């Protein structure tokens, strides 16, 4: 077997937010075709996992049947382009970028785990696959290394005085957290970080985080719960807007039965 990262069916199902039996059903319906070992064991590559997440969203949020899902998946360009971090002219995944940062500061996985509270196994897996960390965990890692999530995901500085991004032509952060899609509404890093969040049912930050700055959000569709300081709860519905200071510990989760979409702005660029 080559060095391509592959997951067993239980791992792939967990990352997609479904059961192993569901993956077997989707395979029988021709929606996904995993790699098979000589003994017949199913193995799923990162591209399979992203496809599974897409299938789940089309099935639960859009209510499509298997035939309609197959047709939707066959349409090229149905999902936004995903950025990869570049370093010294070579493309790198966000996991590889974090491994490079860790080695630059001379830290072991054990030391990073001790400082961030993220387990060694999760850190090791993420450095190899760029999969499996929550938004909070990724933010804590960025803070540990003295950088930001936007910088980790490849948003470089821009000298242009303006930025025009056409509808549905957004680039997206690498899909590190299950059910969370972050799309860039500007090119390059600006004094305002403007993002479009798509949250699958049940998606959350998986914990509270804080940083310098101010935040503004406007809900385009669905419903989201924001928790400030651990004990103040705010439910935002379609059309609602919300502002708060980023230094206040904040967490969030999609409380809608379907997808929630919102515009999220941070200033200065500290997210």
Protein backbone atom coordinates (compact mmCIF):
# COMPACT_ATOMS: atom_id res chain seq x y z
CA UNK A 1 0.00 0.00 0.00
CA UNK A 2 1.28 3.53 -0.77
CA UNK A 3 1.61 6.42 1.69
CA UNK A 4 -1.86 7.83 0.92
CA UNK A 5 -3.80 8.37 4.14
CA UNK A 6 -6.76 6.01 4.35
CA UNK A 7 -9.44 5.53 6.99
CA UNK A 8 -11.34 2.44 8.07
CA UNK A 9 -15.10 2.53 7.67
CA UNK A 10 -15.76 3.45 11.32
CA UNK A 11 -13.35 6.39 11.13
CA UNK A 12 -14.77 7.65 7.84
CA UNK A 13 -18.33 7.35 9.15
CA UNK A 14 -17.45 9.34 12.27
CA UNK A 15 -15.84 12.11 10.21
CA UNK A 16 -18.89 12.28 7.94
CA UNK A 17 -21.30 12.26 10.88
CA UNK A 18 -23.12 9.07 9.87
CA UNK A 19 -23.04 5.37 10.77
CA UNK A 20 -20.92 2.66 9.09
CA UNK A 21 -24.12 0.98 7.90
CA UNK A 22 -25.05 4.21 6.11
CA UNK A 23 -21.72 4.14 4.24
CA UNK A 24 -22.42 0.57 3.14
CA UNK A 25 -25.86 1.66 1.92
CA UNK A 26 -24.41 4.61 -0.01
CA UNK A 27 -21.88 2.26 -1.60
CA UNK A 28 -24.66 -0.10 -2.71
CA UNK A 29 -26.47 2.93 -4.22
CA UNK A 30 -23.39 3.86 -6.23
CA UNK A 31 -22.74 7.11 -4.37
CA UNK A 32 -19.23 6.27 -3.19
CA UNK A 33 -16.66 3.63 -4.06
CA UNK A 34 -14.04 3.07 -1.34
CA UNK A 35 -10.68 1.44 -1.84
CA UNK A 36 -10.70 -2.32 -1.21
CA UNK A 37 -7.80 -4.28 0.24
CA UNK A 38 -6.95 -7.81 -0.91
CA UNK A 39 -9.02 -9.10 2.01
CA UNK A 40 -12.01 -6.95 1.03
CA UNK A 41 -11.68 -4.32 3.78
CA UNK A 42 -13.09 -0.91 2.89
CA UNK A 43 -10.70 2.05 3.12
CA UNK A 44 -11.58 5.70 2.55
CA UNK A 45 -9.19 8.41 1.35
CA UNK A 46 -9.60 12.13 2.31
CA UNK A 47 -11.37 12.78 -1.00
CA UNK A 48 -13.86 10.04 -0.13
CA UNK A 49 -14.54 11.67 3.25
CA UNK A 50 -15.27 15.04 1.62
CA UNK A 51 -17.60 13.29 -0.82
CA UNK A 52 -19.37 11.58 2.10
CA UNK A 53 -19.90 14.93 3.82
CA UNK A 54 -21.36 16.32 0.61
CA UNK A 55 -23.67 13.30 0.22
CA UNK A 56 -24.87 13.73 3.80
CA UNK A 57 -25.64 17.41 3.23
CA UNK A 58 -27.47 16.75 -0.05
CA UNK A 59 -29.48 14.00 1.62
CA UNK A 60 -30.43 15.69 4.90
CA UNK A 61 -30.57 19.38 3.97
CA UNK A 62 -31.72 19.22 0.35
CA UNK A 63 -33.77 16.02 0.67
CA UNK A 64 -32.39 14.55 -2.55
CA UNK A 65 -32.80 10.88 -3.42
CA UNK A 66 -29.80 8.74 -4.48
CA UNK A 67 -30.32 9.40 -8.19
CA UNK A 68 -30.48 13.17 -7.67
CA UNK A 69 -27.41 13.04 -5.41
CA UNK A 70 -25.44 11.17 -8.09
CA UNK A 71 -26.43 13.78 -10.65
CA UNK A 72 -25.49 16.65 -8.33
CA UNK A 73 -22.10 15.13 -7.56
CA UNK A 74 -21.37 14.66 -11.25
CA UNK A 75 -21.70 18.38 -11.97
CA UNK A 76 -18.25 19.91 -12.10
CA UNK A 77 -17.72 23.00 -10.01
CA UNK A 78 -20.60 22.23 -7.63
CA UNK A 79 -18.38 23.00 -4.64
CA UNK A 80 -16.07 26.01 -4.13
CA UNK A 81 -12.35 25.77 -4.75
CA UNK A 82 -10.29 24.88 -1.71
CA UNK A 83 -7.10 26.81 -0.98
CA UNK A 84 -3.88 25.16 0.06
CA UNK A 85 -1.16 26.90 2.04
CA UNK A 86 1.91 27.68 -0.03
CA UNK A 87 5.41 27.92 1.35
CA UNK A 88 8.57 28.59 -0.66
CA UNK A 89 6.57 28.11 -3.84
CA UNK A 90 5.39 24.62 -2.96
CA UNK A 91 1.81 23.73 -2.06
CA UNK A 92 1.30 22.44 1.45
CA UNK A 93 -1.73 21.34 3.38
CA UNK A 94 -2.63 23.09 6.60
CA UNK A 95 -1.51 20.00 8.50
CA UNK A 96 1.92 20.13 6.87
CA UNK A 97 2.11 23.85 7.66
CA UNK A 98 1.43 23.16 11.35
CA UNK A 99 4.07 20.43 11.40
CA UNK A 100 6.55 22.89 9.87
CA UNK A 101 5.70 25.51 12.53
CA UNK A 102 6.06 22.97 15.32
CA UNK A 103 9.48 21.90 14.13
CA UNK A 104 10.55 25.53 13.65
CA UNK A 105 9.92 26.25 17.34
CA UNK A 106 11.51 22.97 18.42
CA UNK A 107 8.39 21.47 20.02
CA UNK A 108 7.40 17.84 20.32
CA UNK A 109 3.82 16.72 19.84
CA UNK A 110 3.73 16.01 23.57
CA UNK A 111 4.65 19.61 24.42
CA UNK A 112 2.05 21.06 22.05
CA UNK A 113 -0.54 18.69 23.52
CA UNK A 114 0.36 19.79 27.03
CA UNK A 115 0.06 23.49 26.16
CA UNK A 116 -3.14 23.29 24.10
CA UNK A 117 -5.05 20.40 25.66
CA UNK A 118 -5.33 18.64 22.29
CA UNK A 119 -4.35 14.97 22.44
CA UNK A 120 -1.14 13.77 20.82
CA UNK A 121 -3.07 11.36 18.61
CA UNK A 122 -5.31 14.13 17.25
CA UNK A 123 -2.32 16.42 16.63
CA UNK A 124 -0.43 13.67 14.85
CA UNK A 125 -3.42 12.74 12.69
CA UNK A 126 -4.11 16.36 11.79
CA UNK A 127 -0.51 17.03 10.76
CA UNK A 128 -0.78 14.08 8.37
CA UNK A 129 -4.33 14.50 7.09
CA UNK A 130 -5.51 18.07 7.84
CA UNK A 131 -8.69 16.46 9.19
CA UNK A 132 -10.38 16.06 12.55
CA UNK A 133 -9.79 19.27 14.53
CA UNK A 134 -12.59 21.56 15.71
CA UNK A 135 -12.57 25.31 15.05
CA UNK A 136 -11.65 25.86 18.71
CA UNK A 137 -8.74 23.42 18.55
CA UNK A 138 -7.41 24.99 15.35
CA UNK A 139 -7.72 28.45 16.91
CA UNK A 140 -5.82 27.28 20.00
CA UNK A 141 -3.03 25.94 17.78
CA UNK A 142 -2.84 29.21 15.84
CA UNK A 143 -2.61 31.09 19.13
CA UNK A 144 0.12 28.75 20.40
CA UNK A 145 2.22 29.37 17.29
CA UNK A 146 1.62 33.11 17.33
CA UNK A 147 -0.40 33.25 14.13
CA UNK A 148 -4.06 33.29 13.06
CA UNK A 149 -6.43 30.79 11.49
CA UNK A 150 -6.69 32.95 8.37
CA UNK A 151 -2.90 32.93 7.95
CA UNK A 152 -2.75 29.16 8.50
CA UNK A 153 -5.32 28.60 5.78
CA UNK A 154 -3.37 30.57 3.20
CA UNK A 155 -4.78 34.09 3.16
CA UNK A 156 -1.70 36.11 2.28
CA UNK A 157 -1.32 39.87 2.38
CA UNK A 158 -2.57 41.87 -0.61
CA UNK A 159 -1.38 45.24 -1.87
CA UNK A 160 -4.50 45.85 -3.95
CA UNK A 161 -6.70 48.69 -2.71
CA UNK A 162 -9.88 46.89 -3.64
CA UNK A 163 -11.18 43.34 -3.72
CA UNK A 164 -14.01 42.06 -5.90
CA UNK A 165 -15.33 38.52 -5.37
CA UNK A 166 -18.22 37.47 -7.59
CA UNK A 167 -21.20 35.51 -6.30
CA UNK A 168 -20.36 31.82 -5.69
CA UNK A 169 -16.72 32.35 -6.73
CA UNK A 170 -15.45 32.22 -3.15
CA UNK A 171 -12.36 30.26 -2.25
CA UNK A 172 -12.73 28.10 0.83
CA UNK A 173 -10.58 27.26 3.79
CA UNK A 174 -9.30 23.69 3.83
CA UNK A 175 -12.16 21.55 5.24
CA UNK A 176 -10.57 20.71 8.58
CA UNK A 177 -13.68 20.46 10.75
CA UNK A 178 -16.68 18.28 9.97
CA UNK A 179 -19.72 20.25 8.87
CA UNK A 180 -17.99 23.67 8.84
CA UNK A 181 -17.25 25.40 5.54
CA UNK A 182 -15.55 28.82 5.66
CA UNK A 183 -15.45 30.82 2.42
CA UNK A 184 -13.49 34.02 1.80
CA UNK A 185 -15.47 37.08 0.75
CA UNK A 186 -12.31 39.10 0.06
CA UNK A 187 -8.98 38.33 -1.59
CA UNK A 188 -5.88 38.60 0.58
CA UNK A 189 -5.79 39.60 4.22
CA UNK A 190 -7.47 42.89 5.08
CA UNK A 191 -8.18 44.91 8.20
CA UNK A 192 -11.57 43.22 8.13
CA UNK A 193 -11.68 39.43 7.74
CA UNK A 194 -14.90 38.78 5.85
CA UNK A 195 -16.13 35.20 5.65
CA UNK A 196 -19.20 33.25 4.65
CA UNK A 197 -19.86 30.34 7.03
CA UNK A 198 -21.88 27.30 5.98
CA UNK A 199 -22.73 25.11 8.95
CA UNK A 200 -24.20 21.64 8.56
CA UNK A 201 -26.85 20.51 11.08
CA UNK A 202 -25.23 20.14 14.50
CA UNK A 203 -21.92 21.75 13.47
CA UNK A 204 -20.26 23.74 16.24
CA UNK A 205 -17.02 25.34 17.42
CA UNK A 206 -16.72 22.48 19.95
CA UNK A 207 -15.64 24.83 22.71
CA UNK A 208 -15.02 28.50 23.46
CA UNK A 209 -12.12 30.63 22.26
CA UNK A 210 -11.19 34.31 22.40
CA UNK A 211 -8.82 36.76 20.71
CA UNK A 212 -8.33 40.48 20.20
CA UNK A 213 -10.74 42.50 18.09
CA UNK A 214 -14.43 42.85 17.34
CA UNK A 215 -16.88 40.60 15.48
CA UNK A 216 -20.07 41.10 13.50
CA UNK A 217 -22.31 38.44 12.02
CA UNK A 218 -25.48 38.43 9.96
CA UNK A 219 -27.57 35.28 9.47
CA UNK A 220 -28.60 34.64 5.87
CA UNK A 221 -30.41 31.36 6.51
CA UNK A 222 -31.02 28.95 9.37
CA UNK A 223 -30.37 29.49 13.06
CA UNK A 224 -27.24 29.70 15.25
CA UNK A 225 -26.67 29.90 19.00
CA UNK A 226 -23.86 32.11 20.29
CA UNK A 227 -22.60 31.64 23.85
CA UNK A 228 -20.57 34.47 25.44
CA UNK A 229 -18.60 34.19 28.69
CA UNK A 230 -19.92 30.67 29.16
CA UNK A 231 -23.29 31.79 30.51
CA UNK A 232 -24.91 34.23 28.07
CA UNK A 233 -26.93 32.60 25.28
CA UNK A 234 -28.09 34.34 22.11
CA UNK A 235 -30.14 32.61 19.42
CA UNK A 236 -29.88 34.27 16.02
CA UNK A 237 -32.38 33.53 13.26
CA UNK A 238 -32.53 34.42 9.58
CA UNK A 239 -32.10 38.18 9.16
CA UNK A 240 -30.64 38.74 12.65
CA UNK A 241 -27.31 40.53 13.21
CA UNK A 242 -24.99 40.38 16.20
CA UNK A 243 -21.88 42.26 17.38
CA UNK A 244 -19.52 41.42 20.27
CA UNK A 245 -15.96 41.95 21.44
CA UNK A 246 -13.73 39.04 20.43
CA UNK A 247 -11.84 38.99 23.74
CA UNK A 248 -14.96 37.57 25.38
CA UNK A 249 -14.84 33.74 25.32
CA UNK A 250 -17.32 32.70 22.65
CA UNK A 251 -18.62 29.47 21.19
CA UNK A 252 -21.34 28.64 18.71
CA UNK A 253 -23.42 25.85 17.21
CA UNK A 254 -25.98 25.39 14.45
CA UNK A 255 -29.32 24.78 16.17
CA UNK A 256 -31.24 24.58 12.90
CA UNK A 257 -32.43 21.24 11.53
CA UNK A 258 -30.87 22.21 8.20
CA UNK A 259 -27.88 24.21 7.02
CA UNK A 260 -27.15 27.63 8.54
CA UNK A 261 -25.42 30.28 6.43
CA UNK A 262 -24.05 33.56 7.78
CA UNK A 263 -21.71 36.42 7.04
CA UNK A 264 -19.01 36.73 9.73
CA UNK A 265 -16.63 39.69 9.97
CA UNK A 266 -13.63 40.06 12.30
CA UNK A 267 -11.53 43.20 12.73
CA UNK A 268 -8.61 43.59 13.02
CA UNK A 269 -7.42 40.32 11.36
CA UNK A 270 -6.96 38.21 14.50
CA UNK A 271 -9.16 35.18 13.73
